[in-house]
Amino acid sequence: MRPSILAVAAAAATSLALGACGTGDAGGTSGGSAVQGSIKTGPGVDAGAKTIRVGDLNALSGPAAALGKPVAAGHQAYFEALNARGGIDGWTIELAVEDTGYQPQQHVQAYNALKSDIAILNSFGSPTTKAIQPLFGREKLVTIPASFDSIWGTDPAVAPVGTPYNIDIANALDYATGGGAKKLSVGIIYQNDEYGADGLRGFEAAKQSLGFTDAGHQSYKPGDTDFTAQVQKLKAAGADAVVVTALPSATGPIVGTAATLGFTPQWILQGPSYIEQLITEDGTAGAKPTPVAAALKGAIVTSFSAPWGADEAPGMQQLLADQKQYAPDQTPSIYFALAYSQGIVVEQILRKAIDSGDLSREGILAAKEHLGEVDLGGITPAVTYTPEGGPPSRNTLITEIDPTVPGFLKIVEPAHNSDTADAIEISQ
């Protein structure tokens, strides 16, 4: 039986009511709608109790748990804080979290169990969200992925938060090569799935536009632990810089293997390749440095969230206050910050749907499509949703690893844009 978690671990006695709630659909079937009072409702909405149920398919176990846990905590903290401030015009958000272990089949099973009793969905991961994409598309269920796959911008049911992987990598390579002025040899090591493939698409687009020397494409399977062969090939090719499209559990061994072999390229980490625990053992300042911390100093990270406590992000102070009250054990994490930004997007979509008097699946989808620009307080670059679709952003927050600053990242380009990235066409 799959794990079923209706709250983030260790978050008992929260202000969220996490039990099953009634919906506006008397028959309880997925996608149905009804009118309750002055508002049209659908699955996951109880107008009498003024509650809206939000699903959250996450990775609290498995190879991506180090990322999934702070994402789940960020969602939890945001909605608890929102409810404590009166919710959305008196509407309370109920959060239902399911652990799918970063396994596509478990993700499908959990989705089918939740779909008839949620109004909107958070979904962690590229391969897992792709597995349910045809299902939530048929349901017209608005879904916010904790993933930056480029195809999300082409699906009207998806509300992506963050710049697509391929655009991020194109912008990062434009930055690293000075717009092509530096004649570097660049390689890439990537996870052999859709996540890695999208990073590779950005690499190829940048190579064509910027004219750097291709030092080779090295792939690995999720779960691999030995990267000696891939690193040796990149070293032998004379790579000056290496793009890493991986999970942090692979980034550490990749960089560690390179250091052992005396290979010290400019590392360029695609956002999910980084986690604070790569620098110190528990991800906090003052903790014991990891064996790869020194080798990662100066690495470029296409971060999807501003560094923890960044003064440049006006929304960061509210995030820190809510984290302190509702997730006090959370260490600095760009994944927590991403999830907090996703909470802002969910709130704004639902707020627009409430204002329009339509919380049915169709009403929530229409609210998302006509939301326009959403200011995320600098925590994450602003996103824009229109009926025409497309990437929510083409700007990249470029940071460098600096073990001396909170969160170990410093901003070097808050919104880097390039002709290379602008020329990338997003299609199914």
Protein backbone atom coordinates (compact mmCIF):
# COMPACT_ATOMS: atom_id res chain seq x y z
CA MET A 1 0.00 0.00 0.00
CA ARG A 2 1.34 3.41 -0.86
CA PRO A 3 2.18 5.79 2.01
CA SER A 4 -0.61 8.25 2.75
CA ILE A 5 0.23 11.45 4.61
CA LEU A 6 -2.38 14.12 5.23
CA ALA A 7 0.17 16.41 6.81
CA VAL A 8 3.89 16.91 6.57
CA ALA A 9 5.78 14.71 9.00
CA ALA A 10 6.05 16.18 12.50
CA ALA A 11 3.47 18.87 11.74
CA ALA A 12 0.77 17.63 14.09
CA ALA A 13 -1.68 19.98 15.75
CA THR A 14 -1.53 22.54 12.97
CA SER A 15 -4.21 25.05 12.18
CA LEU A 16 -5.00 23.27 8.92
CA ALA A 17 -7.95 20.91 9.01
CA LEU A 18 -6.47 18.02 7.07
CA GLY A 19 -9.38 15.62 7.09
CA ALA A 20 -11.50 14.97 4.04
CA CYS A 21 -13.89 17.79 3.31
CA GLY A 22 -17.11 17.87 1.36
CA THR A 23 -17.28 19.12 -2.20
CA GLY A 24 -19.76 21.09 -4.17
CA ASP A 25 -20.46 18.00 -6.25
CA ALA A 26 -23.27 16.08 -4.64
CA GLY A 27 -22.41 12.95 -6.58
CA GLY A 28 -18.74 13.12 -5.52
CA THR A 29 -17.54 12.52 -9.06
CA SER A 30 -14.39 14.11 -10.35
CA GLY A 31 -14.96 17.27 -12.37
CA GLY A 32 -18.58 17.86 -11.34
CA SER A 33 -19.85 21.27 -10.27
CA ALA A 34 -22.80 22.75 -8.42
CA VAL A 35 -24.02 26.10 -7.17
CA GLN A 36 -23.81 26.72 -3.42
CA GLY A 37 -25.21 30.08 -2.43
CA SER A 38 -23.77 32.71 -4.72
CA ILE A 39 -20.76 30.73 -5.88
CA LYS A 40 -20.33 27.85 -8.30
CA THR A 41 -18.32 25.02 -6.76
CA GLY A 42 -16.59 21.82 -7.78
CA PRO A 43 -14.54 18.98 -6.28
CA GLY A 44 -12.60 19.92 -3.16
CA VAL A 45 -14.77 22.97 -2.41
CA ASP A 46 -17.24 23.26 0.46
CA ALA A 47 -18.98 26.64 0.24
CA GLY A 48 -20.89 26.07 3.49
CA ALA A 49 -17.69 25.59 5.50
CA LYS A 50 -15.75 27.95 3.19
CA THR A 51 -12.96 25.44 2.68
CA ILE A 52 -10.89 24.62 -0.40
CA ARG A 53 -8.85 21.42 -0.48
CA VAL A 54 -5.44 21.52 -2.18
CA GLY A 55 -3.70 18.29 -3.13
CA ASP A 56 0.07 17.90 -2.71
CA LEU A 57 1.81 14.94 -4.36
CA ASN A 58 5.33 15.03 -3.00
CA ALA A 59 8.56 13.09 -2.48
CA LEU A 60 8.96 12.59 1.25
CA SER A 61 10.89 9.37 0.65
CA GLY A 62 13.06 8.03 -2.16
CA PRO A 63 15.95 9.63 -4.08
CA ALA A 64 14.44 13.15 -4.12
CA ALA A 65 13.32 13.27 -0.46
CA ALA A 66 15.97 15.85 0.44
CA LEU A 67 14.20 18.19 -2.00
CA GLY A 68 10.62 17.06 -1.44
CA LYS A 69 10.62 17.54 2.32
CA PRO A 70 11.43 21.29 2.26
CA VAL A 71 8.94 21.72 -0.63
CA ALA A 72 6.22 20.10 1.48
CA ALA A 73 7.23 22.23 4.47
CA GLY A 74 7.08 25.39 2.37
CA HIS A 75 3.55 24.62 1.19
CA GLN A 76 2.48 23.79 4.73
CA ALA A 77 3.94 26.97 6.22
CA TYR A 78 2.47 29.20 3.53
CA PHE A 79 -1.08 27.91 3.88
CA GLU A 80 -0.96 27.81 7.68
CA ALA A 81 0.16 31.44 7.70
CA LEU A 82 -2.48 32.35 5.10
CA ASN A 83 -5.23 30.72 7.17
CA ALA A 84 -4.01 32.47 10.31
CA ARG A 85 -4.34 35.79 8.49
CA GLY A 86 -7.95 35.06 7.59
CA GLY A 87 -7.47 32.86 4.56
CA ILE A 88 -8.73 34.08 1.20
CA ASP A 89 -11.59 36.41 2.11
CA GLY A 90 -12.56 33.96 4.86
CA TRP A 91 -11.94 30.81 2.81
CA THR A 92 -9.64 28.28 4.52
CA ILE A 93 -7.16 26.13 2.65
CA GLU A 94 -6.93 22.45 3.59
CA LEU A 95 -3.77 20.68 2.48
CA ALA A 96 -3.70 16.95 1.63
CA VAL A 97 -0.16 15.62 1.18
CA GLU A 98 0.66 12.25 -0.36
CA ASP A 99 4.16 10.76 -0.46
CA THR A 100 4.83 9.18 -3.86
CA GLY A 101 8.57 8.59 -3.40
CA TYR A 102 9.49 10.18 -6.77
CA GLN A 103 7.98 7.09 -8.43
CA PRO A 104 5.73 7.78 -11.44
CA GLN A 105 3.44 4.79 -10.82
CA GLN A 106 2.94 5.74 -7.17
CA HIS A 107 2.25 9.28 -8.34
CA VAL A 108 -0.52 8.03 -10.65
CA GLN A 109 -2.07 5.94 -7.88
CA ALA A 110 -2.02 8.82 -5.41
CA TYR A 111 -3.46 11.18 -8.00
CA ASN A 112 -6.38 8.83 -8.70
CA ALA A 113 -7.10 8.59 -4.98
CA LEU A 114 -7.12 12.37 -4.49
CA LYS A 115 -8.54 13.77 -7.72
CA SER A 116 -12.24 13.69 -6.82
CA ASP A 117 -11.74 15.69 -3.61
CA ILE A 118 -9.28 18.47 -4.48
CA ALA A 119 -9.74 21.82 -6.22
CA ILE A 120 -6.12 22.38 -7.29
CA LEU A 121 -2.93 20.31 -7.16
CA ASN A 122 0.77 20.68 -6.33
CA SER A 123 2.91 17.99 -7.99
CA PHE A 124 6.60 17.30 -7.32
CA GLY A 125 9.03 16.29 -10.07
CA SER A 126 9.28 16.13 -13.86
CA PRO A 127 8.90 12.37 -14.56
CA THR A 128 6.18 12.04 -11.93
CA THR A 129 4.15 15.03 -13.10
CA LYS A 130 4.50 13.91 -16.71
CA ALA A 131 2.97 10.58 -15.68
CA ILE A 132 -0.24 12.28 -14.54
CA GLN A 133 -0.32 15.07 -17.13
CA PRO A 134 -2.91 13.37 -19.39
CA LEU A 135 -5.08 12.69 -16.34
CA PHE A 136 -5.19 16.18 -14.85
CA GLY A 137 -5.55 17.59 -18.36
CA ARG A 138 -8.77 15.64 -18.89
CA GLU A 139 -10.01 16.74 -15.48
CA LYS A 140 -9.18 20.41 -16.16
CA LEU A 141 -7.45 20.31 -12.77
CA VAL A 142 -5.01 23.20 -12.44
CA THR A 143 -1.63 21.77 -11.38
CA ILE A 144 1.44 23.57 -10.05
CA PRO A 145 4.55 21.45 -10.67
CA ALA A 146 7.67 21.55 -8.50
CA SER A 147 9.53 21.16 -11.77
CA PHE A 148 10.69 23.49 -14.53
CA ASP A 149 10.23 21.36 -17.62
CA SER A 150 9.79 23.56 -20.68
CA ILE A 151 6.63 21.78 -21.82
CA TRP A 152 4.60 23.00 -18.85
CA GLY A 153 4.13 26.36 -20.53
CA THR A 154 2.27 24.66 -23.39
CA ASP A 155 -0.37 23.02 -21.17
CA PRO A 156 -3.27 25.28 -20.14
CA ALA A 157 -3.90 23.23 -16.98
CA VAL A 158 -0.36 23.78 -15.67
CA ALA A 159 0.74 26.83 -13.67
CA PRO A 160 4.55 26.53 -13.61
CA VAL A 161 6.52 28.70 -11.19
CA GLY A 162 10.05 29.39 -12.40
CA THR A 163 12.03 29.60 -15.61
CA PRO A 164 12.16 26.41 -17.75
CA TYR A 165 15.28 24.25 -17.47
CA ASN A 166 16.35 24.73 -21.09
CA ILE A 167 16.09 28.53 -20.87
CA ASP A 168 17.97 28.55 -17.54
CA ILE A 169 20.86 26.59 -19.03
CA ALA A 170 20.97 28.76 -22.16
CA ASN A 171 21.09 31.89 -20.01
CA ALA A 172 23.73 30.40 -17.69
CA LEU A 173 25.98 29.48 -20.62
CA ASP A 174 25.51 32.95 -22.09
CA TYR A 175 26.66 34.36 -18.74
CA ALA A 176 29.59 31.94 -18.37
CA THR A 177 30.89 32.57 -21.91
CA GLY A 178 30.33 36.32 -21.87
CA GLY A 179 27.77 36.02 -24.65
CA GLY A 180 30.12 33.81 -26.63
CA ALA A 181 33.17 36.06 -26.26
CA LYS A 182 35.03 33.47 -24.15
CA LYS A 183 35.93 30.50 -26.33
CA LEU A 184 35.39 27.73 -23.80
CA SER A 185 35.12 23.98 -24.06
CA VAL A 186 31.90 22.98 -22.30
CA GLY A 187 30.48 19.56 -21.41
CA ILE A 188 27.33 18.36 -19.72
CA ILE A 189 26.49 15.49 -17.40
CA TYR A 190 22.79 14.85 -17.08
CA GLN A 191 20.20 12.54 -15.58
CA ASN A 192 18.81 10.27 -18.28
CA ASP A 193 15.13 11.25 -18.07
CA GLU A 194 12.91 14.17 -19.05
CA TYR A 195 14.50 16.42 -16.42
CA GLY A 196 17.96 15.85 -17.90
CA ALA A 197 16.71 15.98 -21.48
CA ASP A 198 15.37 19.50 -21.02
CA GLY A 199 18.72 20.71 -19.67
CA LEU A 200 20.40 19.09 -22.67
CA ARG A 201 18.06 20.99 -25.01
CA GLY A 202 19.24 24.25 -23.46
CA PHE A 203 22.87 23.15 -23.81
CA GLU A 204 22.39 22.38 -27.50
CA ALA A 205 20.64 25.69 -28.16
CA ALA A 206 23.45 27.58 -26.43
CA LYS A 207 26.16 25.67 -28.33
CA GLN A 208 24.55 26.58 -31.63
CA SER A 209 24.17 30.24 -30.69
CA LEU A 210 27.35 30.90 -28.69
CA GLY A 211 29.81 28.73 -30.59
CA PHE A 212 31.60 27.10 -27.67
CA THR A 213 33.41 23.78 -28.15
CA ASP A 214 31.33 20.74 -27.19
CA ALA A 215 33.31 18.62 -24.70
CA GLY A 216 30.71 15.87 -24.69
CA HIS A 217 27.38 14.74 -23.29
CA GLN A 218 27.58 12.25 -20.42
CA SER A 219 24.40 10.73 -19.03
CA TYR A 220 23.63 8.59 -16.00
CA LYS A 221 20.62 6.69 -14.72
CA PRO A 222 18.74 7.89 -11.60
CA GLY A 223 20.15 6.00 -8.66
CA ASP A 224 23.67 5.60 -10.10
CA THR A 225 26.45 6.18 -7.57
CA ASP A 226 29.64 5.77 -9.63
CA PHE A 227 30.39 8.62 -12.06
CA THR A 228 34.06 7.85 -12.74
CA ALA A 229 33.60 7.03 -16.42
CA GLN A 230 31.61 10.18 -17.16
CA VAL A 231 34.02 12.46 -15.31
CA GLN A 232 37.09 10.87 -16.93
CA LYS A 233 35.64 11.47 -20.41
CA LEU A 234 34.92 15.14 -19.67
CA LYS A 235 38.41 15.59 -18.23
CA ALA A 236 40.00 13.90 -21.25
CA ALA A 237 38.02 16.20 -23.55
CA GLY A 238 39.52 19.22 -21.78
CA ALA A 239 36.23 20.71 -20.56
CA ASP A 240 36.71 24.20 -19.12
CA ALA A 241 33.14 24.17 -17.78
CA VAL A 242 30.66 21.40 -17.01
CA VAL A 243 26.89 21.73 -16.77
CA VAL A 244 25.38 19.39 -14.15
CA THR A 245 21.73 18.44 -14.60
CA ALA A 246 21.25 16.09 -11.67
CA LEU A 247 19.72 15.62 -8.26
CA PRO A 248 21.95 16.72 -5.35
CA SER A 249 22.50 13.06 -4.43
CA ALA A 250 24.42 12.75 -7.72
CA THR A 251 25.99 16.22 -7.72
CA GLY A 252 28.11 15.45 -4.65
CA PRO A 253 29.66 12.27 -6.08
CA ILE A 254 30.17 13.89 -9.51
CA VAL A 255 32.07 16.85 -8.06
CA GLY A 256 33.88 14.66 -5.53
CA THR A 257 35.05 12.25 -8.23
CA ALA A 258 36.32 15.15 -10.32
CA ALA A 259 38.25 16.59 -7.38
CA THR A 260 39.85 13.22 -6.72
CA LEU A 261 40.95 13.07 -10.36
CA GLY A 262 42.36 16.61 -10.23
CA PHE A 263 39.65 17.90 -12.56
CA THR A 264 38.49 21.40 -11.59
CA PRO A 265 36.20 22.88 -14.27
CA GLN A 266 33.81 25.77 -13.81
CA TRP A 267 30.76 23.95 -12.48
CA ILE A 268 27.35 25.14 -13.71
CA LEU A 269 24.58 23.57 -11.65
CA GLN A 270 21.05 23.47 -13.01
CA GLY A 271 18.77 24.55 -10.13
CA PRO A 272 17.70 21.16 -8.70
CA SER A 273 21.33 19.96 -8.75
CA TYR A 274 22.01 22.17 -5.73
CA ILE A 275 21.03 21.84 -2.10
CA GLU A 276 22.51 23.56 0.94
CA GLN A 277 23.63 20.20 2.38
CA LEU A 278 26.25 20.00 -0.38
CA ILE A 279 28.17 22.71 1.49
CA THR A 280 27.73 21.73 5.16
CA GLU A 281 26.50 18.49 6.64
CA ASP A 282 23.14 19.87 7.80
CA GLY A 283 22.87 22.81 5.41
CA THR A 284 23.39 25.45 8.09
CA ALA A 285 26.17 27.99 8.50
CA GLY A 286 28.79 26.91 11.03
CA ALA A 287 28.19 23.20 10.55
CA LYS A 288 30.96 20.87 9.40
CA PRO A 289 31.87 21.45 5.73
CA THR A 290 31.28 18.54 3.35
CA PRO A 291 34.15 16.94 1.42
CA VAL A 292 32.99 18.72 -1.78
CA ALA A 293 32.38 22.18 -0.30
CA ALA A 294 35.77 23.56 -1.36
CA ALA A 295 35.41 22.19 -4.91
CA LEU A 296 31.98 23.82 -5.27
CA LYS A 297 33.10 27.30 -4.21
CA GLY A 298 32.41 29.64 -7.12
CA ALA A 299 30.10 27.20 -8.90
CA ILE A 300 27.33 28.87 -10.89
CA VAL A 301 23.80 27.88 -9.87
CA THR A 302 20.70 28.73 -11.90
CA SER A 303 18.74 29.17 -8.71
CA PHE A 304 14.94 29.16 -8.87
CA SER A 305 14.71 31.08 -5.59
CA ALA A 306 16.59 34.00 -4.07
CA PRO A 307 19.24 33.06 -1.50
CA TRP A 308 17.93 32.62 2.03
CA GLY A 309 17.52 35.99 3.70
CA ALA A 310 18.40 37.94 0.54
CA ASP A 311 17.88 41.68 1.08
CA GLU A 312 17.17 42.03 -2.65
CA ALA A 313 13.92 40.07 -2.22
CA PRO A 314 11.28 42.23 -0.49
CA GLY A 315 9.10 39.18 0.19
CA MET A 316 11.87 37.35 2.03
CA GLN A 317 11.14 38.90 5.44
CA GLN A 318 7.57 37.59 5.44
CA LEU A 319 8.83 34.18 4.34
CA LEU A 320 11.35 34.10 7.19
CA ALA A 321 8.71 35.16 9.72
CA ASP A 322 6.30 32.45 8.54
CA GLN A 323 9.06 29.85 8.49
CA LYS A 324 10.03 30.72 12.05
CA GLN A 325 6.45 30.33 13.28
CA TYR A 326 5.16 27.43 11.19
CA ALA A 327 8.28 25.45 10.21
CA PRO A 328 10.80 26.25 12.96
CA ASP A 329 12.97 23.19 12.26
CA GLN A 330 13.45 24.11 8.60
CA THR A 331 17.03 24.95 7.68
CA PRO A 332 17.77 27.52 4.93
CA SER A 333 16.43 26.06 1.69
CA ILE A 334 15.75 27.33 -1.82
CA TYR A 335 13.23 24.48 -2.09
CA PHE A 336 11.24 25.82 0.85
CA ALA A 337 11.35 29.26 -0.77
CA LEU A 338 10.16 27.85 -4.11
CA ALA A 339 7.22 26.12 -2.43
CA TYR A 340 6.35 29.32 -0.56
CA SER A 341 6.23 31.13 -3.93
CA GLN A 342 4.02 28.37 -5.31
CA GLY A 343 1.68 29.02 -2.39
CA ILE A 344 1.42 32.65 -3.50
CA VAL A 345 0.42 31.49 -6.99
CA VAL A 346 -2.20 29.06 -5.64
CA GLU A 347 -3.64 31.82 -3.47
CA GLN A 348 -3.86 34.28 -6.36
CA ILE A 349 -5.52 31.76 -8.68
CA LEU A 350 -8.11 30.86 -6.06
CA ARG A 351 -8.64 34.49 -5.09
CA LYS A 352 -9.43 35.37 -8.72
CA ALA A 353 -11.79 32.38 -9.00
CA ILE A 354 -13.60 33.42 -5.80
CA ASP A 355 -13.91 36.99 -7.05
CA SER A 356 -15.47 35.65 -10.25
CA GLY A 357 -17.93 33.52 -8.28
CA ASP A 358 -16.72 30.26 -9.87
CA LEU A 359 -14.71 27.65 -7.94
CA SER A 360 -15.56 24.84 -10.33
CA ARG A 361 -12.71 23.17 -12.21
CA GLU A 362 -13.53 25.31 -15.24
CA GLY A 363 -13.67 28.48 -13.14
CA ILE A 364 -10.31 27.85 -11.50
CA LEU A 365 -8.75 27.09 -14.90
CA ALA A 366 -10.16 30.32 -16.34
CA ALA A 367 -8.78 32.24 -13.35
CA LYS A 368 -5.32 30.78 -13.95
CA GLU A 369 -5.35 31.53 -17.67
CA HIS A 370 -6.33 35.18 -17.10
CA LEU A 371 -4.24 35.84 -14.00
CA GLY A 372 -1.59 37.90 -15.81
CA GLU A 373 1.62 38.75 -13.94
CA VAL A 374 2.08 37.55 -10.37
CA ASP A 375 4.68 39.38 -8.26
CA LEU A 376 6.44 36.82 -6.06
CA GLY A 377 8.23 39.39 -3.93
CA GLY A 378 11.60 38.72 -5.50
CA ILE A 379 11.68 35.28 -3.83
CA THR A 380 11.24 33.83 -7.31
CA PRO A 381 11.11 35.83 -10.56
CA ALA A 382 7.60 37.08 -11.36
CA VAL A 383 5.46 34.73 -13.46
CA THR A 384 2.82 35.50 -16.07
CA TYR A 385 -0.17 33.38 -17.12
CA THR A 386 -2.24 34.13 -20.22
CA PRO A 387 -4.59 32.13 -22.47
CA GLU A 388 -1.77 32.02 -25.05
CA GLY A 389 0.50 30.11 -22.67
CA GLY A 390 4.27 30.02 -23.00
CA PRO A 391 7.11 30.07 -20.45
CA PRO A 392 6.15 31.87 -17.22
CA SER A 393 9.56 33.61 -17.37
CA ARG A 394 12.60 33.82 -19.66
CA ASN A 395 14.86 35.43 -17.05
CA THR A 396 17.34 33.45 -14.96
CA LEU A 397 18.43 34.16 -11.40
CA ILE A 398 22.15 33.40 -11.57
CA THR A 399 23.98 32.82 -8.31
CA GLU A 400 27.41 31.62 -7.23
CA ILE A 401 28.21 29.32 -4.32
CA ASP A 402 29.84 31.22 -1.48
CA PRO A 403 30.18 29.19 1.76
CA THR A 404 30.48 32.40 3.81
CA VAL A 405 26.95 33.75 3.18
CA PRO A 406 23.55 32.51 4.49
CA GLY A 407 22.19 29.78 2.24
CA PHE A 408 25.66 29.65 0.60
CA LEU A 409 24.50 31.47 -2.54
CA LYS A 410 25.15 35.05 -3.62
CA ILE A 411 23.29 36.76 -6.45
CA VAL A 412 25.45 37.77 -9.42
CA GLU A 413 22.64 38.35 -11.97
CA PRO A 414 19.09 38.75 -10.57
CA ALA A 415 17.37 38.38 -13.97
CA HIS A 416 19.82 37.40 -16.69
CA ASN A 417 18.35 37.29 -20.18
CA SER A 418 19.94 36.42 -23.50
CA ASP A 419 19.16 36.32 -27.20
CA THR A 420 19.96 32.60 -27.05
CA ALA A 421 17.24 31.95 -24.48
CA ASP A 422 14.73 34.25 -26.19
CA ALA A 423 15.14 32.29 -29.43
CA ILE A 424 14.18 28.98 -27.83
CA GLU A 425 10.74 27.89 -28.97
CA ILE A 426 8.65 25.93 -26.49
CA SER A 427 6.46 23.23 -28.00
CA GLN A 428 4.92 19.92 -27.00
